[in-house]
Amino acid sequence: MTHALVFVAADRPSYFEAVRMLGRAALKRKLAPPRVLGAWEAAEWDYESVDSELAEEAAEAVAGLAVDWALVPIENRRKRLLVADMDSTIITVECLDELADYAGLKAEIAAITERAMRGELVFEDALRARVGKLRGLPLDAVQRCYDERVRLTGGARTLARTMAAHGARCVLVSGGFTFFTARVAAAAGFHAHFANTLCDDGAALTGAVVEPILGRAAKLATLEHEAAGLALSPGDALAIGDGANDLDMIRAAGFGVAFRAKPIVAAEADAQITHTSLETALYFQGYARREFATD
């Protein structure tokens, strides 16, 4: 099966050094010159056959460079379903941690979040514990949190809008809260969103969340349900996230991407994005920059 070895650089020096280093290996294998996907940012080589040494060679070639890379099968490369985590993936923050800051509890709650995202705690239990500490937080603080703290990650809007423009369905699925996912989905260009619902009494949070909680298993179930609704299989999906509650959907997807992820996730994803933006998930699928959707 033909594969593409794709690399995406965060800066020009890294790009040209990656071309030089990866080009040595390509020349040794008598490959054609690389196909440029994005000016000085991204390029790829096609490999008709892949041996056990190729990934190791690629990793060694770009070690120490601000470069993300992936070895991707050409068959079914452009995915028809995007399922993305929200917190610390499509947006730059963890909403619950930022909400906690308005209650003066950010350090305490962020420590629990970190452990949950590393897979050290049961996600559902950790969520209940964190939300419980926010009892009495006025609802206007939730709106302020969105207005003042929530920002799209670089490339998030381009990723969703480009895949949508080429016929893919884009779904945001989060262990966070619908108050935020509804707004983020609209801002980034997702077709649908799924998350948990915070309980309130009309003036303040009650410290509870509507059950059942959307966690790790529910994220996988959402991927499977969305794929089935399109008469697709999970193999037709790209799943992307950073935390342990994203792991099952990343494993199940045809292309699972770890975005600036915890080690437990990075170790099992098909590819990692560490140095560059979410646009890299488009390059990995073979999109050239000229195909990116722009406003």
Protein backbone atom coordinates (compact mmCIF):
# COMPACT_ATOMS: atom_id res chain seq x y z
CA MET A 1 0.00 0.00 0.00
CA THR A 2 1.33 3.43 -0.94
CA HIS A 3 2.00 5.81 1.94
CA ALA A 4 2.83 9.50 2.08
CA LEU A 5 5.51 10.73 4.44
CA VAL A 6 4.26 14.22 5.29
CA PHE A 7 6.14 16.84 7.24
CA VAL A 8 4.98 20.26 8.38
CA ALA A 9 7.35 22.86 9.81
CA ALA A 10 6.70 25.69 12.24
CA ASP A 11 9.39 27.93 10.73
CA ARG A 12 11.48 28.29 7.59
CA PRO A 13 14.80 27.03 9.01
CA SER A 14 13.10 23.86 10.24
CA TYR A 15 11.41 23.38 6.87
CA PHE A 16 14.58 23.59 4.82
CA GLU A 17 16.54 21.44 7.24
CA ALA A 18 13.76 18.82 7.15
CA VAL A 19 13.84 18.85 3.35
CA ARG A 20 17.58 18.27 3.50
CA MET A 21 17.49 15.51 6.10
CA LEU A 22 14.42 13.68 4.83
CA GLY A 23 15.66 14.18 1.27
CA ARG A 24 18.73 12.11 2.02
CA ALA A 25 16.59 9.14 2.96
CA ALA A 26 14.34 9.68 -0.05
CA LEU A 27 17.31 9.87 -2.40
CA LYS A 28 18.72 6.67 -0.95
CA ARG A 29 15.41 4.98 -1.78
CA LYS A 30 15.41 6.57 -5.25
CA LEU A 31 12.18 8.49 -4.70
CA ALA A 32 10.89 11.33 -6.82
CA PRO A 33 11.30 14.87 -5.43
CA PRO A 34 8.85 15.89 -2.70
CA ARG A 35 5.43 17.30 -3.49
CA VAL A 36 5.10 20.77 -1.96
CA LEU A 37 1.81 21.27 -0.12
CA GLY A 38 2.32 24.70 1.40
CA ALA A 39 5.14 27.04 0.32
CA TRP A 40 7.84 26.69 3.01
CA GLU A 41 5.51 24.89 5.45
CA ALA A 42 4.69 21.41 4.20
CA ALA A 43 5.75 18.75 1.72
CA GLU A 44 5.50 15.00 1.24
CA TRP A 45 7.12 12.01 -0.45
CA ASP A 46 5.25 8.97 -1.73
CA TYR A 47 6.52 5.55 -0.67
CA GLU A 48 5.30 2.54 -2.65
CA SER A 49 6.42 0.23 0.12
CA VAL A 50 6.95 0.89 3.81
CA ASP A 51 9.44 -1.05 5.89
CA SER A 52 9.99 -1.15 9.61
CA GLU A 53 12.86 1.33 9.44
CA LEU A 54 11.08 4.16 7.67
CA ALA A 55 9.31 5.70 10.66
CA GLU A 56 12.50 5.48 12.71
CA GLU A 57 14.45 7.19 9.92
CA ALA A 58 11.88 9.98 9.69
CA ALA A 59 11.85 10.56 13.44
CA GLU A 60 15.64 10.71 13.55
CA ALA A 61 15.77 13.07 10.56
CA VAL A 62 13.55 15.70 12.18
CA ALA A 63 14.70 15.27 15.77
CA GLY A 64 15.31 18.64 17.33
CA LEU A 65 13.43 20.49 14.59
CA ALA A 66 10.10 22.31 14.94
CA VAL A 67 8.49 19.77 12.63
CA ASP A 68 5.45 17.51 12.86
CA TRP A 69 5.28 14.49 10.57
CA ALA A 70 3.13 11.50 9.75
CA LEU A 71 3.27 8.37 7.62
CA VAL A 72 -0.22 8.16 6.11
CA PRO A 73 -1.81 5.53 3.82
CA ILE A 74 -2.89 7.11 0.54
CA GLU A 75 -6.04 4.98 0.39
CA ASN A 76 -9.03 6.71 2.02
CA ARG A 77 -6.75 9.52 3.06
CA ARG A 78 -9.22 12.40 3.07
CA LYS A 79 -11.65 11.69 5.85
CA ARG A 80 -15.36 12.36 5.55
CA LEU A 81 -15.99 12.86 9.25
CA LEU A 82 -14.11 15.03 11.74
CA VAL A 83 -14.70 14.40 15.44
CA ALA A 84 -12.77 16.84 17.61
CA ASP A 85 -12.30 17.46 21.30
CA MET A 86 -12.80 21.08 22.35
CA ASP A 87 -10.78 22.04 25.46
CA SER A 88 -7.04 22.43 24.78
CA THR A 89 -7.67 21.25 21.22
CA ILE A 90 -10.11 23.41 19.26
CA ILE A 91 -9.75 26.11 21.92
CA THR A 92 -6.63 27.08 23.81
CA VAL A 93 -7.96 26.66 27.35
CA GLU A 94 -9.74 24.23 29.67
CA CYS A 95 -13.08 25.95 30.27
CA LEU A 96 -13.66 24.37 33.66
CA ASP A 97 -10.27 25.56 34.91
CA GLU A 98 -11.02 29.07 33.67
CA LEU A 99 -14.47 29.02 35.29
CA ALA A 100 -12.78 28.01 38.53
CA ASP A 101 -10.64 31.12 38.33
CA TYR A 102 -13.78 33.25 38.73
CA ALA A 103 -14.42 31.36 41.97
CA GLY A 104 -10.81 31.70 43.15
CA LEU A 105 -10.22 27.95 42.75
CA LYS A 106 -8.24 27.63 39.54
CA ALA A 107 -5.09 26.03 40.97
CA GLU A 108 -7.08 23.42 42.89
CA ILE A 109 -9.36 22.47 40.01
CA ALA A 110 -6.65 22.63 37.35
CA ALA A 111 -4.65 20.06 39.33
CA ILE A 112 -7.61 17.65 39.18
CA THR A 113 -8.07 18.36 35.46
CA GLU A 114 -4.43 17.56 34.76
CA ARG A 115 -4.67 14.21 36.53
CA ALA A 116 -7.91 13.32 34.72
CA MET A 117 -6.43 14.20 31.32
CA ARG A 118 -3.42 12.02 32.08
CA GLY A 119 -5.74 9.09 32.78
CA GLU A 120 -4.97 8.98 36.49
CA LEU A 121 -8.59 9.60 37.56
CA VAL A 122 -11.96 8.36 36.36
CA PHE A 123 -13.16 11.22 34.17
CA GLU A 124 -16.79 11.20 35.31
CA ASP A 125 -15.89 11.24 39.00
CA ALA A 126 -13.34 13.99 38.44
CA LEU A 127 -15.89 16.09 36.56
CA ARG A 128 -18.50 15.78 39.32
CA ALA A 129 -15.90 16.75 41.93
CA ARG A 130 -14.75 19.81 40.01
CA VAL A 131 -18.22 21.06 39.14
CA GLY A 132 -19.32 20.56 42.75
CA LYS A 133 -16.75 23.12 43.85
CA LEU A 134 -18.40 25.75 41.62
CA ARG A 135 -21.71 25.73 43.46
CA GLY A 136 -22.99 29.29 43.80
CA LEU A 137 -20.91 30.74 40.96
CA PRO A 138 -23.12 33.41 39.33
CA LEU A 139 -24.21 32.69 35.77
CA ASP A 140 -22.77 35.96 34.53
CA ALA A 141 -19.34 34.54 35.35
CA VAL A 142 -19.95 31.75 32.80
CA GLN A 143 -20.63 34.30 30.07
CA ARG A 144 -17.64 36.38 31.16
CA CYS A 145 -15.49 33.27 31.02
CA TYR A 146 -16.45 32.69 27.41
CA ASP A 147 -16.03 36.33 26.43
CA GLU A 148 -12.74 36.89 28.22
CA ARG A 149 -10.95 33.54 28.11
CA VAL A 150 -12.10 31.29 25.27
CA ARG A 151 -10.09 31.61 22.06
CA LEU A 152 -9.87 29.31 19.04
CA THR A 153 -6.61 27.45 18.61
CA GLY A 154 -4.59 28.41 15.56
CA GLY A 155 -5.91 26.58 12.50
CA ALA A 156 -9.13 25.37 14.17
CA ARG A 157 -11.43 27.38 11.94
CA THR A 158 -9.46 26.47 8.80
CA LEU A 159 -9.53 22.77 9.70
CA ALA A 160 -13.29 22.59 10.20
CA ARG A 161 -14.25 24.87 7.34
CA THR A 162 -11.91 23.21 4.84
CA MET A 163 -13.11 19.71 5.64
CA ALA A 164 -16.72 20.91 5.50
CA ALA A 165 -16.10 22.61 2.16
CA HIS A 166 -14.87 19.29 0.78
CA GLY A 167 -17.94 17.39 1.98
CA ALA A 168 -16.99 16.19 5.45
CA ARG A 169 -19.22 16.44 8.52
CA CYS A 170 -17.53 18.17 11.44
CA VAL A 171 -18.56 17.37 15.00
CA LEU A 172 -17.32 18.85 18.26
CA VAL A 173 -17.52 16.39 21.16
CA SER A 174 -16.43 17.50 24.61
CA GLY A 175 -16.34 16.43 28.21
CA GLY A 176 -16.89 20.14 28.87
CA PHE A 177 -20.15 22.01 28.65
CA THR A 178 -22.76 22.84 26.05
CA PHE A 179 -22.69 26.53 26.99
CA PHE A 180 -19.21 26.64 25.47
CA THR A 181 -19.46 24.01 22.73
CA ALA A 182 -22.47 25.72 21.15
CA ARG A 183 -20.56 28.97 20.80
CA VAL A 184 -17.26 27.38 19.79
CA ALA A 185 -18.91 25.15 17.19
CA ALA A 186 -20.56 28.19 15.58
CA ALA A 187 -17.34 30.21 15.65
CA ALA A 188 -15.18 27.45 14.16
CA GLY A 189 -17.66 26.07 11.64
CA PHE A 190 -18.69 22.69 13.08
CA HIS A 191 -21.99 21.14 12.02
CA ALA A 192 -22.89 19.74 15.46
CA HIS A 193 -21.70 19.66 19.05
CA PHE A 194 -22.11 17.34 22.03
CA ALA A 195 -21.09 18.00 25.63
CA ASN A 196 -22.30 18.03 29.24
CA THR A 197 -24.86 20.46 30.66
CA LEU A 198 -24.22 22.50 33.79
CA CYS A 199 -27.16 22.76 36.20
CA ASP A 200 -28.24 26.16 37.49
CA ASP A 201 -31.08 27.69 39.50
CA GLY A 202 -31.55 30.64 37.20
CA ALA A 203 -29.01 32.80 38.98
CA ALA A 204 -26.03 30.59 39.81
CA LEU A 205 -24.54 27.15 39.23
CA THR A 206 -25.88 24.45 41.54
CA GLY A 207 -22.69 22.41 41.54
CA ALA A 208 -24.26 19.58 39.54
CA VAL A 209 -24.10 18.38 35.96
CA VAL A 210 -26.85 16.64 34.02
CA GLU A 211 -26.42 12.86 33.99
CA PRO A 212 -25.27 10.75 32.25
CA ILE A 213 -21.94 12.45 31.85
CA LEU A 214 -20.37 12.55 28.41
CA GLY A 215 -16.93 11.06 28.94
CA ARG A 216 -14.51 8.70 27.26
CA ALA A 217 -17.02 6.01 26.27
CA ALA A 218 -19.55 8.57 25.08
CA LYS A 219 -16.97 10.22 22.81
CA LEU A 220 -16.35 6.89 21.11
CA ALA A 221 -20.10 6.27 20.87
CA THR A 222 -20.54 9.69 19.25
CA LEU A 223 -17.92 8.88 16.62
CA GLU A 224 -19.60 5.56 15.86
CA HIS A 225 -23.08 7.08 15.76
CA GLU A 226 -22.05 9.94 13.50
CA ALA A 227 -20.23 7.58 11.13
CA ALA A 228 -23.23 5.25 10.95
CA GLY A 229 -25.53 8.19 10.25
CA LEU A 230 -23.46 8.97 7.17
CA ALA A 231 -23.27 5.30 6.12
CA LEU A 232 -19.56 5.40 6.92
CA SER A 233 -17.30 3.40 9.19
CA PRO A 234 -15.02 4.75 11.93
CA GLY A 235 -12.22 4.22 9.41
CA ASP A 236 -13.63 7.15 7.43
CA ALA A 237 -13.16 9.51 10.40
CA LEU A 238 -10.43 11.74 11.72
CA ALA A 239 -10.49 12.07 15.51
CA ILE A 240 -8.35 14.61 17.32
CA GLY A 241 -7.82 15.40 20.99
CA ASP A 242 -5.33 15.80 23.80
CA GLY A 243 -6.54 13.95 26.89
CA ALA A 244 -7.18 10.44 28.14
CA ASN A 245 -10.92 10.80 27.60
CA ASP A 246 -10.17 11.18 23.86
CA LEU A 247 -8.16 7.98 23.66
CA ASP A 248 -10.90 5.53 22.63
CA MET A 249 -12.17 7.68 19.76
CA ILE A 250 -8.60 8.33 18.60
CA ARG A 251 -7.89 4.58 18.60
CA ALA A 252 -11.10 3.80 16.70
CA ALA A 253 -10.82 6.45 13.99
CA GLY A 254 -9.22 5.77 10.64
CA PHE A 255 -6.80 8.56 11.47
CA GLY A 256 -6.29 9.50 15.11
CA VAL A 257 -4.32 12.64 15.90
CA ALA A 258 -2.88 13.67 19.26
CA PHE A 259 -2.78 17.47 19.53
CA ARG A 260 -0.22 18.74 22.05
CA ALA A 261 -1.37 15.74 23.97
CA LYS A 262 -0.73 13.94 27.21
CA PRO A 263 1.80 11.08 26.88
CA ILE A 264 -0.86 8.37 27.19
CA VAL A 265 -2.59 9.78 24.09
CA ALA A 266 0.49 10.62 22.05
CA ALA A 267 1.75 7.05 22.47
CA GLU A 268 -1.29 5.55 20.72
CA ALA A 269 -2.28 8.10 18.08
CA ASP A 270 -1.51 7.64 14.39
CA ALA A 271 0.17 11.04 14.36
CA GLN A 272 1.02 13.91 16.66
CA ILE A 273 0.80 17.67 16.25
CA THR A 274 3.19 19.27 18.70
CA HIS A 275 4.95 22.18 17.00
CA THR A 276 2.47 23.43 14.41
CA SER A 277 -1.19 24.42 14.13
CA LEU A 278 -4.36 22.43 13.54
CA GLU A 279 -3.91 23.12 9.82
CA THR A 280 -1.40 20.29 9.94
CA ALA A 281 -4.29 17.81 10.17
CA LEU A 282 -5.25 19.02 6.68
CA TYR A 283 -1.73 18.57 5.32
CA PHE A 284 -1.66 15.06 6.77
CA GLN A 285 -4.77 14.31 4.69
CA GLY A 286 -3.07 15.56 1.53
CA TYR A 287 -4.69 18.97 1.26
CA ALA A 288 -2.53 21.66 -0.32
CA ARG A 289 -2.72 25.18 1.07
CA ARG A 290 -4.50 26.40 -2.07
CA GLU A 291 -7.41 24.09 -1.10
CA PHE A 292 -7.81 25.56 2.39
CA ALA A 293 -11.07 27.37 3.02
CA THR A 294 -10.56 31.04 3.81
CA ASP A 295 -13.00 33.66 4.98
